Amino acid sequence: MTTRRMRRTCTGSRRERGQGLVEFALVLPVFMLLLLTMLDFGYAFYTNLTIEYATREGARVGAALANGGGTPVCPDAGPAADVDKLVIAAVERVINSAGIKIDVDPSGGGGVTGIQIYKADPATGQSVGTSTTNLWTYSLGAGPTIPGTTTKLDFVETTHKWDVCSRVNSIATSDALGVSLSYTYAYITPIANVMRLVTPGGDPPTIQLNDRTVMRLNPTGQ
């Protein structure tokens, strides 16, 4: 009697252990999927905060410098020629800072796809038209030299349609300057491979992040 009871007890324990392993094997993939999703979307949120800070810094510099200090410095020769370079330098300083550095190069599927400096409608923050938009795109070390340094920008101006000297910063009325940044976030965890199973043959999954900041030019004239 005792031997039979012991056999039944040992058999029951083995069955429970086997059931536990099966349940663990079923739950583990779901748990890992949730964990990787949380990590990737957490980093995407962090990246979005970084580009928000970057556009704010760029717009702040652009608003402070206005048209380079006033009409006497125009046309674009002295300080006026440096305004947009310093705006882009401010954006770069944020996205390349230690501790918050993000992937900038878009050639790998993610990165900064463009930085725009544009004349904005102060009520909506939207560009007043493509005829008043300057577009800068990524090109490592190929940009102009940052004023006051020997360092070259990693962005080059590919479209120039809003001349610095045409920016109005009078006391009576002043233009609104907008800085927008478009960023393609590429997943950094294996969750991307799982997502590609759903859409085989397609491009790697990404998240498009966009942010803009608009500020009035600081008045320096009449």
Protein backbone atom coordinates (compact mmCIF):
# COMPACT_ATOMS: atom_id res chain seq x y z
CA MET A 1 0.00 0.00 0.00
CA THR A 2 2.75 2.44 0.96
CA THR A 3 4.75 1.67 -2.20
CA ARG A 4 1.75 2.30 -4.44
CA ARG A 5 1.03 5.62 -2.72
CA MET A 6 4.65 6.75 -3.17
CA ARG A 7 4.55 5.79 -6.85
CA ARG A 8 1.36 7.82 -7.36
CA THR A 9 2.91 10.79 -5.53
CA CYS A 10 6.09 10.72 -7.63
CA THR A 11 4.09 10.38 -10.85
CA GLY A 12 1.87 13.31 -9.86
CA SER A 13 4.90 15.51 -9.11
CA ARG A 14 6.44 14.76 -12.49
CA ARG A 15 3.18 15.60 -14.22
CA GLU A 16 2.92 18.92 -12.37
CA ARG A 17 6.50 19.81 -13.27
CA GLY A 18 5.85 18.95 -16.91
CA GLN A 19 2.66 21.01 -16.92
CA GLY A 20 4.57 23.94 -15.40
CA LEU A 21 7.22 23.77 -18.14
CA VAL A 22 4.59 23.70 -20.86
CA GLU A 23 2.79 26.70 -19.36
CA PHE A 24 6.08 28.58 -19.03
CA ALA A 25 6.95 27.82 -22.66
CA LEU A 26 3.57 29.19 -23.75
CA VAL A 27 3.76 32.35 -21.63
CA LEU A 28 7.44 33.24 -22.27
CA PRO A 29 7.05 34.37 -25.93
CA VAL A 30 4.12 36.61 -24.99
CA PHE A 31 6.06 38.09 -22.08
CA MET A 32 9.14 38.73 -24.25
CA LEU A 33 6.98 40.32 -26.95
CA LEU A 34 5.47 42.72 -24.42
CA LEU A 35 8.88 43.50 -22.92
CA LEU A 36 10.51 44.26 -26.29
CA THR A 37 7.53 46.39 -27.32
CA MET A 38 7.80 48.41 -24.11
CA LEU A 39 11.55 48.91 -24.62
CA ASP A 40 11.21 50.05 -28.23
CA PHE A 41 8.29 52.38 -27.68
CA GLY A 42 10.00 53.76 -24.57
CA TYR A 43 13.08 54.62 -26.61
CA ALA A 44 10.90 56.08 -29.37
CA PHE A 45 9.26 58.33 -26.76
CA TYR A 46 12.68 59.36 -25.50
CA THR A 47 13.77 60.14 -29.08
CA ASN A 48 10.65 62.24 -29.60
CA LEU A 49 11.45 64.28 -26.48
CA THR A 50 14.95 64.85 -27.85
CA ILE A 51 13.77 66.19 -31.19
CA GLU A 52 11.24 68.41 -29.39
CA TYR A 53 14.10 69.92 -27.41
CA ALA A 54 16.18 70.25 -30.59
CA THR A 55 13.52 72.22 -32.51
CA ARG A 56 12.95 74.45 -29.49
CA GLU A 57 16.67 75.28 -29.27
CA GLY A 58 16.85 75.93 -33.00
CA ALA A 59 13.83 78.23 -32.97
CA ARG A 60 15.13 80.06 -29.91
CA VAL A 61 18.43 80.82 -31.68
CA GLY A 62 16.65 81.82 -34.89
CA ALA A 63 14.29 84.14 -33.03
CA ALA A 64 17.11 85.74 -31.05
CA LEU A 65 19.31 86.37 -34.11
CA ALA A 66 16.35 87.44 -36.29
CA ASN A 67 17.91 88.79 -39.50
CA GLY A 68 21.41 89.00 -38.11
CA GLY A 69 21.02 92.15 -36.05
CA GLY A 70 19.11 94.58 -38.27
CA THR A 71 18.92 95.90 -41.80
CA PRO A 72 22.45 97.41 -41.95
CA VAL A 73 24.09 93.97 -41.96
CA CYS A 74 22.17 92.79 -45.03
CA PRO A 75 22.46 91.48 -47.67
CA ASP A 76 23.70 88.05 -46.57
CA ALA A 77 27.35 88.84 -46.12
CA GLY A 78 28.19 89.19 -42.44
CA PRO A 79 26.09 88.18 -39.45
CA ALA A 80 23.03 87.59 -41.62
CA ALA A 81 24.81 84.82 -43.51
CA ASP A 82 25.43 82.96 -40.25
CA VAL A 83 21.88 82.94 -38.85
CA ASP A 84 20.64 79.68 -40.35
CA LYS A 85 23.99 77.97 -39.77
CA LEU A 86 23.70 78.78 -36.07
CA VAL A 87 20.11 77.52 -36.01
CA ILE A 88 21.20 74.16 -37.45
CA ALA A 89 24.20 74.10 -35.09
CA ALA A 90 21.81 74.49 -32.14
CA VAL A 91 19.72 71.57 -33.38
CA GLU A 92 22.82 69.43 -33.91
CA ARG A 93 24.13 70.28 -30.46
CA VAL A 94 21.03 68.73 -28.91
CA ILE A 95 20.73 65.59 -31.00
CA ASN A 96 24.47 64.87 -30.67
CA SER A 97 24.78 65.65 -26.96
CA ALA A 98 26.24 62.99 -24.67
CA GLY A 99 23.52 61.13 -22.84
CA ILE A 100 20.77 61.94 -25.34
CA LYS A 101 22.55 61.17 -28.62
CA ILE A 102 20.26 59.66 -31.21
CA ASP A 103 20.97 58.06 -34.57
CA VAL A 104 21.13 60.93 -37.09
CA ASP A 105 22.25 59.20 -40.30
CA PRO A 106 19.13 58.26 -42.35
CA SER A 107 21.00 55.81 -44.60
CA GLY A 108 20.41 52.93 -42.18
CA GLY A 109 16.63 53.16 -42.38
CA GLY A 110 16.24 55.62 -39.50
CA GLY A 111 17.56 59.06 -38.66
CA VAL A 112 16.91 62.71 -39.44
CA THR A 113 15.28 63.03 -42.86
CA GLY A 114 15.24 66.82 -42.87
CA ILE A 115 15.37 70.07 -40.90
CA GLN A 116 13.29 72.99 -42.10
CA ILE A 117 13.62 76.68 -41.24
CA TYR A 118 10.51 78.46 -42.46
CA LYS A 119 8.30 81.50 -42.21
CA ALA A 120 5.38 80.42 -40.07
CA ASP A 121 1.80 81.48 -39.54
CA PRO A 122 1.90 82.42 -35.83
CA ALA A 123 -1.69 81.30 -35.37
CA THR A 124 -1.29 77.76 -36.72
CA GLY A 125 2.47 77.17 -36.70
CA GLN A 126 2.23 75.98 -40.30
CA SER A 127 4.48 77.25 -43.07
CA VAL A 128 2.96 80.13 -45.02
CA GLY A 129 4.13 78.37 -48.19
CA THR A 130 6.92 76.36 -49.76
CA SER A 131 8.33 79.60 -51.18
CA THR A 132 9.49 80.56 -47.66
CA THR A 133 11.12 77.33 -46.53
CA ASN A 134 14.80 76.43 -46.25
CA LEU A 135 15.51 72.69 -46.15
CA TRP A 136 18.65 71.14 -44.67
CA THR A 137 19.48 67.47 -45.20
CA TYR A 138 22.04 65.17 -43.61
CA SER A 139 25.53 64.90 -45.08
CA LEU A 140 28.24 63.96 -42.58
CA GLY A 141 30.87 66.71 -42.29
CA ALA A 142 29.85 68.25 -45.63
CA GLY A 143 27.99 71.28 -44.29
CA PRO A 144 29.31 74.81 -43.82
CA THR A 145 31.63 75.66 -40.94
CA ILE A 146 29.90 76.68 -37.73
CA PRO A 147 30.62 80.40 -37.20
CA GLY A 148 33.34 80.96 -34.63
CA THR A 149 34.62 77.37 -34.85
CA THR A 150 36.46 75.07 -37.21
CA THR A 151 33.75 72.40 -37.02
CA LYS A 152 31.62 71.63 -40.05
CA LEU A 153 27.89 70.97 -39.81
CA ASP A 154 26.54 67.54 -40.70
CA PHE A 155 23.69 69.13 -42.66
CA VAL A 156 23.72 71.00 -45.95
CA GLU A 157 21.13 73.43 -47.25
CA THR A 158 19.45 71.82 -50.24
CA THR A 159 16.59 74.33 -50.63
CA HIS A 160 16.93 78.06 -49.96
CA LYS A 161 13.71 80.07 -50.35
CA TRP A 162 13.51 82.28 -47.25
CA ASP A 163 16.35 84.76 -47.30
CA VAL A 164 17.51 85.97 -43.90
CA CYS A 165 17.42 89.60 -44.98
CA SER A 166 13.74 89.34 -45.92
CA ARG A 167 12.78 88.48 -42.33
CA VAL A 168 10.88 91.27 -40.63
CA ASN A 169 11.70 91.91 -36.97
CA SER A 170 10.37 95.41 -36.41
CA ILE A 171 8.74 96.47 -33.16
CA ALA A 172 5.42 97.06 -34.90
CA THR A 173 5.32 93.61 -36.45
CA SER A 174 7.69 90.69 -36.72
CA ASP A 175 7.74 87.43 -38.60
CA ALA A 176 7.33 84.07 -36.90
CA LEU A 177 10.15 81.61 -37.50
CA GLY A 178 9.53 77.90 -37.41
CA VAL A 179 12.00 75.05 -37.08
CA SER A 180 10.73 71.56 -37.88
CA LEU A 181 12.54 68.25 -37.75
CA SER A 182 11.48 65.00 -39.36
CA TYR A 183 12.86 61.80 -37.87
CA THR A 184 12.40 58.18 -38.90
CA TYR A 185 12.67 55.89 -35.89
CA ALA A 186 13.92 52.40 -36.71
CA TYR A 187 13.15 49.70 -34.15
CA ILE A 188 16.19 48.65 -32.15
CA THR A 189 14.93 45.37 -30.66
CA PRO A 190 14.02 42.08 -32.40
CA ILE A 191 10.37 43.19 -32.32
CA ALA A 192 11.04 44.54 -35.83
CA ASN A 193 11.63 40.98 -37.07
CA VAL A 194 8.36 39.86 -35.53
CA MET A 195 6.53 42.72 -37.24
CA ARG A 196 8.11 41.83 -40.59
CA LEU A 197 6.56 38.37 -40.32
CA VAL A 198 3.19 40.05 -40.56
CA THR A 199 4.19 41.95 -43.72
CA PRO A 200 6.84 39.76 -45.39
CA GLY A 201 8.84 41.37 -48.17
CA GLY A 202 8.07 44.89 -47.00
CA ASP A 203 10.41 47.58 -45.75
CA PRO A 204 11.66 47.36 -42.14
CA PRO A 205 9.02 48.82 -39.79
CA THR A 206 9.62 52.37 -38.63
CA ILE A 207 7.86 55.16 -36.74
CA GLN A 208 7.74 58.64 -38.25
CA LEU A 209 8.38 61.36 -35.67
CA ASN A 210 7.86 65.03 -36.49
CA ASP A 211 8.11 68.12 -34.34
CA ARG A 212 8.12 71.87 -34.87
CA THR A 213 8.61 74.97 -32.74
CA VAL A 214 7.52 78.45 -33.78
CA MET A 215 8.74 81.70 -32.23
CA ARG A 216 8.39 85.37 -33.09
CA LEU A 217 11.58 87.11 -34.18
CA ASN A 218 12.96 89.36 -31.47
CA PRO A 219 12.35 92.97 -32.56
CA THR A 220 15.49 95.03 -33.05
CA GLY A 221 14.26 97.75 -35.41
CA GLN A 222 11.46 100.30 -35.71
